[in-house]
C-alpha cells in the first residue's frame, strides 16, 4: 500500500488501545437442558407449589379419616363428701368414691361414660361432601403445580435465551470493533502520511470508540442476564453462567402446518390452569351440595366404652371396692337448623357465590389461554419471516463493507462510506441475532401456552416444499458466542 509517516508531521493520529473487559475469566458453563433440570429441582415457586400438593393430599387424608372412629384411653377417680339430694328430694350425707380405668374416661355414679373409649361423631353431609370437596381440592393443587412448573420452565428458557442474546451481542460487538479498528488504522496511516484527511481519521476513531462502548454495554448485558438466570435457578448470582451453545439457531417446537384454531382447541384441552379451575368448580359444587343437604343430614354420635369400674360410699360398704367390668354403648342422632335456618341459608348463599367466582374465573382463564395461543402463534410466524429478511441484510452488509474496506486499503477514499457500511452491517447482524432469539422465545411461549402437550399431539407431516425453520442454517459469525464458550452443539 506504500503508506508511511510523512516527515514534519508533529501530531500523529494513533488508535487507542482497547479498555479492559468487565467480565471475569471464571465462568460456569451451562446448557438449556441443565438449566431446566436445575429449575425443576431448585426453583422456589415450583417447590412452594409442590408443598401445596403435599398439603392438599394431607387434607384429603384427613377428610377420609373422618369416617373412622377415634380411640380414647384413660381413667378417672371421683371423690364426693357431703350432702346429695335424691330425686324425691331426700337429702343424704354421703361420702362417695368412684374409679374407672379402660377405654374412655369420666365414668361417675350411674351415668354413662362422658368421654367414650371408641367414638364416631359428626354430621353425615359434612363428612361425605367434605371428602368429595377435598378430592377436588387436591386435584386443583396438582394442576396448579403443573402450571407453576410450566411457567418456571418458561422463565428459565427465556432467561437462558436472554443470556444467549447478550453473549451473541458481545460477540458481534467484538467483531465490529475489530473491523472498526482496521478502518481507523488505515485512515490514521493515510492522515499521518499526508495522503488523507485528518477529519476522516478522527471520524473513524470516533466510530471505534463507539464500538468500544458497545462492547462495554454488551458485557453489562451479559452480567445482568447471568444474574437473572441465577435468580430463576436459585443459585449464587456471583457465579457468571456461560452458555455452551456454539451457535444460535432457530428451534421450531410446534409444527408450522398446524392451524391456529386447532392450536387454540389443543390449548383449551391441555392447559393446567383450566383444569385447575374446573376442579375448583367441582369443589365448589360439592360444598354447595353439602350446604343444601346439611339441614336434612343428622349429626351422629356413637360411643363405646369398656373398662374396670368400682367404688363405694359410707352408706354402702366398702368405701372403695366392688370392682368389676363395665361396658357402655351410646348412640345419639339429631338434626339441626342453624340459627333457625338463617345460618343454613347463609351457608348456601356463600357456597353459591364461591361457585360463581370459580365459573367466572374459568371463563377468564379460557379467554386468556386463547389470547396467549393466538398471540404466540402470530409471533412465531412474524419473527420467522424476519429471520429471512435479516439474513439477506447481513449478506448484503458483508459484501458492501468488504468492497468499501478493499477500496480504502488500495487507495485513499473517504472514510465516511466505509464507516457507514460498518454501521449498517452491525445493525443487520444484531437484527439477525434478535430475529432468531425472538423466534425461539415465541416458540417456547407457544409451547407453554398449549400446556406443553405430548409430542404425538403435535405430530404433523413435513411441508412438501421442504421449507421450514429446520432448514435454515446457523447464524455464522453474527450470532456465534465469544471464544470462551465451550464448542458444544445443541
Protein backbone atom coordinates (compact mmCIF):
# COMPACT_ATOMS: atom_id res chain seq x y z
CA UNK A 1 0.00 0.00 0.00
CA UNK A 2 3.05 2.21 0.45
CA UNK A 3 1.73 4.35 3.27
CA UNK A 4 4.36 5.74 5.63
CA UNK A 5 4.87 8.51 8.17
CA UNK A 6 5.48 11.81 6.35
CA UNK A 7 8.31 13.93 7.72
CA UNK A 8 7.32 17.05 9.56
CA UNK A 9 4.04 15.69 10.97
CA UNK A 10 4.04 16.59 14.63
CA UNK A 11 0.70 15.34 15.99
CA UNK A 12 0.33 11.81 14.67
CA UNK A 13 -3.11 10.24 14.86
CA UNK A 14 -2.99 6.89 16.71
CA UNK A 15 -5.66 4.35 17.54
CA UNK A 16 -6.12 3.90 21.31
CA UNK A 17 -5.83 0.53 22.99
CA UNK A 18 -8.97 -1.32 23.94
CA UNK A 19 -10.25 -0.87 27.53
CA UNK A 20 -10.14 -3.78 29.94
CA UNK A 21 -13.04 -6.19 29.88
CA UNK A 22 -15.70 -6.09 32.59
CA UNK A 23 -16.05 -9.88 32.61
CA UNK A 24 -14.07 -12.09 34.94
CA UNK A 25 -12.35 -15.07 33.32
CA UNK A 26 -14.00 -17.59 35.66
CA UNK A 27 -17.29 -18.84 34.21
CA UNK A 28 -19.54 -21.80 34.77
CA UNK A 29 -20.74 -23.39 31.52
CA UNK A 30 -24.41 -24.32 31.28
CA UNK A 31 -26.78 -25.55 28.60
CA UNK A 32 -30.55 -25.35 28.38
CA UNK A 33 -31.16 -28.94 29.47
CA UNK A 34 -29.07 -28.43 32.60
CA UNK A 35 -30.86 -25.17 33.34
CA UNK A 36 -34.26 -26.87 33.05
CA UNK A 37 -33.18 -29.68 35.36
CA UNK A 38 -31.97 -27.16 37.93
CA UNK A 39 -35.23 -25.24 37.63
CA UNK A 40 -37.18 -28.43 38.26
CA UNK A 41 -35.20 -29.09 41.44
CA UNK A 42 -34.43 -25.65 42.86
CA UNK A 43 -36.97 -23.10 41.65
CA UNK A 44 -38.63 -21.70 44.83
CA UNK A 45 -42.04 -21.11 43.24
CA UNK A 46 -42.14 -24.68 41.99
CA UNK A 47 -41.08 -26.03 45.38
CA UNK A 48 -43.85 -24.00 47.04
CA UNK A 49 -46.42 -25.39 44.61
CA UNK A 50 -45.26 -28.94 45.32
CA UNK A 51 -45.62 -28.36 49.05
CA UNK A 52 -49.18 -27.18 48.43
CA UNK A 53 -49.86 -30.51 46.74
CA UNK A 54 -48.49 -32.30 49.80
CA UNK A 55 -50.73 -30.15 52.00
CA UNK A 56 -53.79 -30.90 49.84
CA UNK A 57 -53.02 -34.62 49.97
CA UNK A 58 -52.84 -34.47 53.76
CA UNK A 59 -56.17 -32.60 53.90
CA UNK A 60 -57.78 -35.25 51.72
CA UNK A 61 -56.45 -37.97 54.01
CA UNK A 62 -57.81 -36.04 56.99
CA UNK A 63 -61.23 -35.79 55.30
CA UNK A 64 -61.23 -39.53 54.63
CA UNK A 65 -60.24 -40.22 58.24
CA UNK A 66 -63.48 -38.58 59.43
CA UNK A 67 -65.22 -41.91 58.66
CA UNK A 68 -63.03 -43.65 61.24
CA UNK A 69 -63.71 -43.55 64.98
CA UNK A 70 -61.32 -42.02 67.49
CA UNK A 71 -59.88 -44.03 70.36
CA UNK A 72 -59.64 -42.62 73.89
CA UNK A 73 -57.80 -44.48 76.64
CA UNK A 74 -57.66 -43.23 80.24
CA UNK A 75 -59.32 -43.34 83.63
CA UNK A 76 -60.81 -41.19 86.32
CA UNK A 77 -61.24 -41.06 90.09
CA UNK A 78 -64.14 -39.19 91.69
CA UNK A 79 -64.50 -38.42 95.41
CA UNK A 80 -67.54 -36.72 96.94
CA UNK A 81 -68.08 -35.78 100.60
CA UNK A 82 -71.17 -34.07 101.93
CA UNK A 83 -74.84 -33.78 101.10
CA UNK A 84 -76.53 -35.15 98.00
CA UNK A 85 -80.19 -34.90 97.05
CA UNK A 86 -82.17 -37.84 95.81
CA UNK A 87 -84.71 -37.50 93.02
CA UNK A 88 -87.56 -37.46 95.54
CA UNK A 89 -85.97 -34.54 97.35
CA UNK A 90 -84.47 -36.51 100.19
CA UNK A 91 -81.08 -35.15 101.42
CA UNK A 92 -78.37 -37.64 102.20
CA UNK A 93 -74.97 -37.10 103.75
CA UNK A 94 -72.73 -39.27 101.58
CA UNK A 95 -69.02 -39.82 101.30
CA UNK A 96 -68.77 -41.47 97.90
CA UNK A 97 -65.92 -42.51 95.60
CA UNK A 98 -65.75 -43.95 92.04
CA UNK A 99 -62.82 -45.16 89.94
CA UNK A 100 -62.68 -46.15 86.27
CA UNK A 101 -59.81 -47.40 84.08
CA UNK A 102 -60.05 -48.52 80.46
CA UNK A 103 -61.27 -47.28 77.11
CA UNK A 104 -62.72 -43.87 77.83
CA UNK A 105 -62.89 -41.62 80.85
CA UNK A 106 -65.39 -39.78 83.05
CA UNK A 107 -67.42 -42.68 84.48
CA UNK A 108 -69.13 -41.45 87.67
CA UNK A 109 -72.09 -42.97 89.50
CA UNK A 110 -74.91 -44.28 87.33
CA UNK A 111 -74.30 -42.05 84.33
CA UNK A 112 -72.72 -43.17 81.08
CA UNK A 113 -69.05 -42.65 80.33
CA UNK A 114 -68.79 -38.97 79.39
CA UNK A 115 -65.71 -39.49 77.19
CA UNK A 116 -66.32 -42.73 75.27
CA UNK A 117 -63.39 -45.01 74.53
CA UNK A 118 -64.31 -45.51 70.88
CA UNK A 119 -66.22 -42.56 69.44
CA UNK A 120 -67.52 -41.65 65.98
CA UNK A 121 -69.04 -38.18 65.86
CA UNK A 122 -70.03 -35.78 63.11
CA UNK A 123 -72.59 -34.76 60.54
CA UNK A 124 -73.04 -37.15 57.65
CA UNK A 125 -73.29 -34.41 54.99
CA UNK A 126 -70.25 -32.60 56.32
CA UNK A 127 -68.19 -35.80 56.25
CA UNK A 128 -69.31 -37.05 52.82
CA UNK A 129 -69.26 -33.76 50.93
CA UNK A 130 -66.17 -32.62 52.79
CA UNK A 131 -64.30 -35.64 51.50
CA UNK A 132 -65.56 -35.13 47.93
CA UNK A 133 -64.54 -31.46 48.07
CA UNK A 134 -61.11 -32.42 49.45
CA UNK A 135 -60.55 -34.70 46.44
CA UNK A 136 -61.23 -31.84 44.05
CA UNK A 137 -59.05 -29.51 46.12
CA UNK A 138 -56.18 -31.96 45.84
CA UNK A 139 -56.70 -32.22 42.07
CA UNK A 140 -56.73 -28.42 41.75
CA UNK A 141 -53.45 -28.11 43.67
CA UNK A 142 -51.92 -30.75 41.42
CA UNK A 143 -52.90 -28.81 38.29
CA UNK A 144 -51.64 -25.62 39.93
CA UNK A 145 -48.24 -27.25 40.50
CA UNK A 146 -48.27 -28.34 36.86
CA UNK A 147 -48.95 -24.77 35.75
CA UNK A 148 -46.23 -23.38 38.02
CA UNK A 149 -43.80 -25.92 36.61
CA UNK A 150 -44.62 -24.83 33.06
CA UNK A 151 -44.10 -21.19 33.98
CA UNK A 152 -40.85 -21.98 35.80
CA UNK A 153 -39.55 -23.80 32.74
CA UNK A 154 -40.67 -20.92 30.52
CA UNK A 155 -38.92 -18.37 32.75
CA UNK A 156 -35.79 -20.50 32.67
CA UNK A 157 -35.89 -20.81 28.90
CA UNK A 158 -36.49 -17.09 28.40
CA UNK A 159 -33.69 -16.19 30.84
CA UNK A 160 -31.36 -18.58 29.04
CA UNK A 161 -32.38 -17.05 25.71
CA UNK A 162 -31.53 -13.58 27.02
CA UNK A 163 -28.12 -14.86 28.12
CA UNK A 164 -27.62 -16.21 24.59
CA UNK A 165 -28.67 -12.85 23.17
CA UNK A 166 -26.25 -10.97 25.43
CA UNK A 167 -23.37 -13.29 24.55
CA UNK A 168 -24.23 -13.02 20.86
CA UNK A 169 -24.33 -9.22 21.01
CA UNK A 170 -20.96 -9.19 22.72
CA UNK A 171 -19.56 -11.46 20.02
CA UNK A 172 -20.94 -9.14 17.34
CA UNK A 173 -19.57 -6.09 19.18
CA UNK A 174 -16.11 -7.64 19.35
CA UNK A 175 -16.15 -8.45 15.66
CA UNK A 176 -17.39 -4.99 14.69
CA UNK A 177 -14.80 -3.39 16.99
CA UNK A 178 -12.01 -5.26 15.18
CA UNK A 179 -13.36 -4.15 11.82
CA UNK A 180 -13.69 -0.56 13.05
CA UNK A 181 -10.13 -0.71 14.36
CA UNK A 182 -8.90 -1.77 10.94
CA UNK A 183 -10.68 1.19 9.33
CA UNK A 184 -9.30 3.57 11.98
CA UNK A 185 -5.73 2.31 11.48
CA UNK A 186 -5.94 2.74 7.71
CA UNK A 187 -7.37 6.25 7.86
CA UNK A 188 -4.86 7.25 10.56
CA UNK A 189 -1.98 5.97 8.39
CA UNK A 190 -3.20 7.97 5.42
CA UNK A 191 -3.64 11.11 7.55
CA UNK A 192 -0.21 10.76 9.16
CA UNK A 193 1.35 10.27 5.72
CA UNK A 194 -0.35 13.39 4.45
CA UNK A 195 -2.31 11.39 1.89
CA UNK A 196 -5.69 11.62 3.61
CA UNK A 197 -7.82 14.00 5.56
CA UNK A 198 -7.43 14.17 9.33
CA UNK A 199 -11.19 14.56 9.59
CA UNK A 200 -11.64 11.08 8.09
CA UNK A 201 -9.19 9.65 10.61
CA UNK A 202 -10.98 11.29 13.54
CA UNK A 203 -14.34 10.13 12.20
CA UNK A 204 -13.04 6.55 12.11
CA UNK A 205 -11.61 6.93 15.61
CA UNK A 206 -14.96 8.16 16.86
CA UNK A 207 -16.60 5.12 15.35
CA UNK A 208 -14.00 2.90 17.04
CA UNK A 209 -14.74 4.45 20.42
CA UNK A 210 -18.47 3.95 19.82
CA UNK A 211 -17.80 0.27 19.17
CA UNK A 212 -15.78 0.02 22.39
CA UNK A 213 -18.82 1.47 24.14
CA UNK A 214 -20.97 -1.22 22.50
CA UNK A 215 -18.68 -3.91 23.94
CA UNK A 216 -18.95 -2.46 27.43
CA UNK A 217 -22.72 -2.25 27.08
CA UNK A 218 -22.85 -5.85 25.83
CA UNK A 219 -20.72 -7.04 28.75
CA UNK A 220 -23.09 -5.32 31.15
CA UNK A 221 -25.98 -7.16 29.48
CA UNK A 222 -24.10 -10.46 29.88
CA UNK A 223 -23.67 -9.91 33.61
CA UNK A 224 -27.31 -8.88 34.05
CA UNK A 225 -28.61 -11.85 32.02
CA UNK A 226 -26.42 -14.24 34.00
CA UNK A 227 -27.70 -12.82 37.29
CA UNK A 228 -31.31 -13.16 36.10
CA UNK A 229 -30.76 -16.80 35.14
CA UNK A 230 -29.13 -17.45 38.53
CA UNK A 231 -32.18 -15.91 40.18
CA UNK A 232 -34.55 -18.21 38.30
CA UNK A 233 -32.40 -21.24 39.12
CA UNK A 234 -31.94 -20.22 42.77
CA UNK A 235 -28.14 -20.31 42.63
CA UNK A 236 -25.44 -17.86 43.68
CA UNK A 237 -25.63 -14.81 41.35
CA UNK A 238 -21.93 -14.08 41.89
CA UNK A 239 -21.23 -17.02 39.57
CA UNK A 240 -21.24 -16.00 35.90
CA UNK A 241 -23.03 -18.52 33.73
CA UNK A 242 -21.92 -19.02 30.15
CA UNK A 243 -23.97 -20.92 27.53
CA UNK A 244 -22.25 -23.83 25.82
CA UNK A 245 -24.12 -23.31 22.54
CA UNK A 246 -21.66 -22.91 19.69
CA UNK A 247 -24.26 -21.14 17.54
CA UNK A 248 -27.67 -19.56 17.97
CA UNK A 249 -30.11 -21.35 15.69
CA UNK A 250 -33.91 -21.45 15.30
CA UNK A 251 -35.63 -24.10 17.42
CA UNK A 252 -39.07 -24.94 15.98
CA UNK A 253 -41.18 -26.83 18.52
CA UNK A 254 -44.74 -26.51 17.24
CA UNK A 255 -45.11 -27.60 13.58
CA UNK A 256 -45.95 -24.82 11.14
CA UNK A 257 -48.79 -26.64 9.30
CA UNK A 258 -50.97 -26.63 12.44
CA UNK A 259 -53.83 -24.10 12.07
CA UNK A 260 -54.26 -21.57 14.84
CA UNK A 261 -57.83 -22.73 15.52
CA UNK A 262 -56.57 -26.26 16.14
CA UNK A 263 -53.83 -24.93 18.42
CA UNK A 264 -56.38 -22.96 20.44
CA UNK A 265 -58.52 -26.08 20.84
CA UNK A 266 -55.43 -28.03 21.93
CA UNK A 267 -54.56 -25.35 24.48
CA UNK A 268 -58.08 -25.46 25.91
CA UNK A 269 -57.69 -29.20 26.41
CA UNK A 270 -54.14 -29.21 27.77
CA UNK A 271 -53.66 -26.07 29.83
CA UNK A 272 -53.35 -26.99 33.53
CA UNK A 273 -54.75 -23.61 34.59
CA UNK A 274 -58.10 -24.51 33.02
CA UNK A 275 -58.01 -27.96 34.60
CA UNK A 276 -57.28 -26.32 37.94
CA UNK A 277 -60.36 -24.11 37.78
CA UNK A 278 -62.54 -26.93 36.51
CA UNK A 279 -61.52 -28.88 39.60
CA UNK A 280 -62.22 -25.78 41.70
CA UNK A 281 -65.72 -25.62 40.20
CA UNK A 282 -66.30 -29.24 41.16
CA UNK A 283 -65.06 -28.47 44.65
CA UNK A 284 -67.44 -25.51 44.93
CA UNK A 285 -70.30 -27.72 43.73
CA UNK A 286 -69.53 -30.27 46.44
CA UNK A 287 -69.51 -27.53 49.07
CA UNK A 288 -72.84 -26.18 47.76
CA UNK A 289 -74.46 -29.63 47.78
CA UNK A 290 -73.18 -30.17 51.31
CA UNK A 291 -74.65 -26.87 52.48
CA UNK A 292 -78.02 -27.76 50.93
CA UNK A 293 -78.05 -31.23 52.49
CA UNK A 294 -76.91 -30.06 55.93
CA UNK A 295 -80.38 -29.37 57.44
CA UNK A 296 -81.57 -32.85 56.37
CA UNK A 297 -78.43 -34.68 57.49
CA UNK A 298 -78.27 -35.95 61.10
CA UNK A 299 -75.41 -35.32 63.44
CA UNK A 300 -74.47 -38.71 64.85
CA UNK A 301 -72.53 -39.68 67.96
CA UNK A 302 -71.68 -43.33 68.53
CA UNK A 303 -69.64 -44.11 71.62
CA UNK A 304 -68.47 -47.38 73.12
CA UNK A 305 -66.51 -47.78 76.36
CA UNK A 306 -65.19 -50.77 78.26
CA UNK A 307 -63.09 -50.93 81.40
CA UNK A 308 -62.92 -51.63 85.08
CA UNK A 309 -65.20 -49.69 87.44
CA UNK A 310 -65.58 -49.70 91.20
CA UNK A 311 -66.32 -47.53 94.18
CA UNK A 312 -68.46 -47.23 97.27
CA UNK A 313 -69.70 -44.91 100.00
CA UNK A 314 -70.29 -44.63 103.71
CA UNK A 315 -73.79 -45.93 103.06
CA UNK A 316 -72.69 -48.98 101.09
CA UNK A 317 -69.56 -50.65 102.36
CA UNK A 318 -66.73 -50.81 101.46
CA UNK A 319 -65.92 -47.20 100.66
CA UNK A 320 -63.67 -48.29 97.76
CA UNK A 321 -64.50 -51.71 96.37
CA UNK A 322 -66.86 -53.66 94.20
CA UNK A 323 -64.58 -53.55 91.18
CA UNK A 324 -65.71 -55.29 88.01
CA UNK A 325 -66.08 -54.96 84.27
CA UNK A 326 -68.23 -52.27 82.69
CA UNK A 327 -69.38 -51.58 79.11
CA UNK A 328 -71.29 -48.62 77.73
CA UNK A 329 -72.75 -48.11 74.24
CA UNK A 330 -74.26 -44.76 73.34
CA UNK A 331 -75.91 -43.84 70.02
CA UNK A 332 -77.16 -40.29 69.60
CA UNK A 333 -78.62 -38.65 66.50
CA UNK A 334 -80.20 -35.25 65.93
CA UNK A 335 -80.98 -32.75 63.18
CA UNK A 336 -80.02 -29.08 63.39
CA UNK A 337 -81.35 -25.88 61.86
CA UNK A 338 -78.54 -23.43 62.38
CA UNK A 339 -79.78 -20.10 63.72
CA UNK A 340 -83.40 -21.08 62.98
CA UNK A 341 -82.43 -21.86 59.38
CA UNK A 342 -80.91 -18.44 58.70
CA UNK A 343 -77.43 -19.82 59.20
CA UNK A 344 -78.10 -22.64 56.72
CA UNK A 345 -79.39 -20.16 54.13
CA UNK A 346 -76.26 -18.06 54.58
CA UNK A 347 -74.03 -21.09 54.09
CA UNK A 348 -75.86 -21.91 50.86
CA UNK A 349 -75.51 -18.32 49.59
CA UNK A 350 -71.79 -18.28 50.40
CA UNK A 351 -71.30 -21.56 48.52
CA UNK A 352 -73.26 -20.20 45.52
CA UNK A 353 -71.09 -17.07 45.43
CA UNK A 354 -67.87 -19.10 45.54
CA UNK A 355 -69.19 -21.34 42.76
CA UNK A 356 -69.93 -18.26 40.66
CA UNK A 357 -66.44 -16.89 41.26
CA UNK A 358 -64.92 -20.20 40.17
CA UNK A 359 -67.02 -20.27 36.99
CA UNK A 360 -66.16 -16.70 36.03
CA UNK A 361 -62.52 -17.39 36.80
CA UNK A 362 -62.63 -20.33 34.42
CA UNK A 363 -64.07 -18.08 31.69
CA UNK A 364 -61.31 -15.53 32.32
CA UNK A 365 -58.59 -18.18 32.11
CA UNK A 366 -60.22 -19.63 28.99
CA UNK A 367 -60.07 -16.23 27.28
CA UNK A 368 -56.51 -15.80 28.49
CA UNK A 369 -55.45 -19.17 27.05
CA UNK A 370 -56.98 -18.39 23.67
CA UNK A 371 -55.31 -14.99 23.58
CA UNK A 372 -51.92 -16.39 24.59
CA UNK A 373 -52.04 -19.12 21.96
CA UNK A 374 -53.10 -16.71 19.21
CA UNK A 375 -50.50 -14.13 20.24
CA UNK A 376 -47.66 -16.66 20.40
CA UNK A 377 -48.78 -18.12 17.06
CA UNK A 378 -48.62 -14.69 15.43
CA UNK A 379 -45.20 -14.03 16.95
CA UNK A 380 -43.71 -17.27 15.64
CA UNK A 381 -44.76 -16.60 12.06
CA UNK A 382 -43.86 -12.91 12.04
CA UNK A 383 -40.49 -13.48 13.66
CA UNK A 384 -39.62 -16.37 11.40
CA UNK A 385 -40.25 -14.10 8.42
CA UNK A 386 -37.84 -11.55 9.98
CA UNK A 387 -35.10 -14.21 10.11
CA UNK A 388 -35.02 -14.49 6.33
CA UNK A 389 -35.17 -10.71 5.85
CA UNK A 390 -32.37 -10.02 8.32
CA UNK A 391 -30.28 -12.85 6.87
CA UNK A 392 -30.35 -11.23 3.46
CA UNK A 393 -29.44 -7.91 5.09
CA UNK A 394 -26.37 -9.49 6.71
CA UNK A 395 -25.26 -10.97 3.39
CA UNK A 396 -25.61 -7.61 1.64
CA UNK A 397 -23.90 -5.80 4.51
CA UNK A 398 -20.91 -8.14 4.46
CA UNK A 399 -20.47 -7.64 0.72
CA UNK A 400 -20.84 -3.88 0.94
CA UNK A 401 -18.39 -3.49 3.81
CA UNK A 402 -15.87 -5.82 2.15
CA UNK A 403 -15.93 -3.73 -1.02
CA UNK A 404 -15.55 -0.46 0.89
CA UNK A 405 -12.73 -1.89 3.02
CA UNK A 406 -10.92 -3.19 -0.06
CA UNK A 407 -11.28 0.21 -1.66
CA UNK A 408 -9.84 2.05 1.33
CA UNK A 409 -6.99 -0.46 1.58
CA UNK A 410 -5.93 0.06 -2.02
CA UNK A 411 -6.39 3.78 -2.34
CA UNK A 412 -7.25 6.89 -0.41
CA UNK A 413 -11.04 7.04 -0.11
CA UNK A 414 -13.46 8.92 2.13
CA UNK A 415 -13.86 7.02 5.41
CA UNK A 416 -17.47 8.07 5.83
CA UNK A 417 -18.68 5.49 3.31
CA UNK A 418 -16.76 2.65 4.98
CA UNK A 419 -17.93 3.72 8.43
CA UNK A 420 -21.49 3.86 7.20
CA UNK A 421 -21.19 0.36 5.70
CA UNK A 422 -19.79 -0.88 9.02
CA UNK A 423 -22.72 0.61 10.94
CA UNK A 424 -25.25 -0.96 8.59
CA UNK A 425 -23.54 -4.33 8.88
CA UNK A 426 -23.50 -4.15 12.67
CA UNK A 427 -27.17 -3.25 12.71
CA UNK A 428 -28.02 -6.13 10.37
CA UNK A 429 -26.07 -8.63 12.49
CA UNK A 430 -27.84 -7.56 15.65
CA UNK A 431 -31.19 -7.70 13.88
CA UNK A 432 -30.39 -11.22 12.65
CA UNK A 433 -29.47 -12.31 16.16
CA UNK A 434 -32.61 -10.73 17.63
CA UNK A 435 -34.81 -12.34 14.98
CA UNK A 436 -33.61 -15.84 15.85
CA UNK A 437 -33.69 -15.31 19.62
CA UNK A 438 -37.16 -13.75 19.42
CA UNK A 439 -38.37 -16.61 17.22
CA UNK A 440 -37.13 -19.18 19.74
CA UNK A 441 -38.77 -17.24 22.57
CA UNK A 442 -42.08 -17.19 20.68
CA UNK A 443 -41.82 -20.94 20.06
CA UNK A 444 -41.30 -21.64 23.75
CA UNK A 445 -44.14 -19.29 24.66
CA UNK A 446 -46.45 -21.06 22.20
CA UNK A 447 -45.48 -24.46 23.57
CA UNK A 448 -46.24 -23.38 27.13
CA UNK A 449 -49.43 -21.63 26.01
CA UNK A 450 -50.55 -25.02 24.67
CA UNK A 451 -49.90 -26.57 28.09
CA UNK A 452 -46.78 -28.47 26.98
CA UNK A 453 -48.75 -31.16 25.14
CA UNK A 454 -47.13 -34.54 24.41
CA UNK A 455 -45.26 -34.89 21.14
CA UNK A 456 -47.81 -37.15 19.47
CA UNK A 457 -50.46 -34.43 19.66
CA UNK A 458 -48.18 -32.10 17.69
CA UNK A 459 -47.08 -34.60 15.06
CA UNK A 460 -47.68 -33.26 11.56
CA UNK A 461 -46.40 -34.25 8.09
CA UNK A 462 -43.40 -32.30 6.86
CA UNK A 463 -44.02 -29.46 4.36
CA UNK A 464 -43.95 -30.73 0.79
CA UNK A 465 -41.71 -27.92 -0.40
CA UNK A 466 -39.09 -28.71 2.24
CA UNK A 467 -39.14 -25.16 3.53
CA UNK A 468 -39.30 -24.73 7.28
CA UNK A 469 -37.42 -23.40 10.25
CA UNK A 470 -35.31 -26.58 10.48
CA UNK A 471 -33.79 -25.97 7.02
CA UNK A 472 -32.26 -22.63 7.91
CA UNK A 473 -28.54 -22.57 8.53
CA UNK A 474 -26.80 -21.30 11.63
CA UNK A 475 -26.16 -17.68 12.28
CA UNK A 476 -22.49 -17.80 11.47
CA UNK A 477 -20.27 -15.12 12.88
CA UNK A 478 -23.20 -12.84 13.55
CA UNK A 479 -24.50 -14.98 16.41
CA UNK A 480 -21.50 -17.00 17.42
CA UNK A 481 -20.74 -16.67 21.15
CA UNK A 482 -17.30 -15.48 22.28
CA UNK A 483 -14.31 -17.77 22.09
CA UNK A 484 -14.61 -18.70 25.76
CA UNK A 485 -17.72 -20.72 25.01
CA UNK A 486 -17.29 -24.48 25.02
CA UNK A 487 -17.93 -25.79 21.46
CA UNK A 488 -20.92 -27.97 22.23
CA UNK A 489 -23.69 -28.32 19.67
CA UNK A 490 -27.38 -28.36 20.55
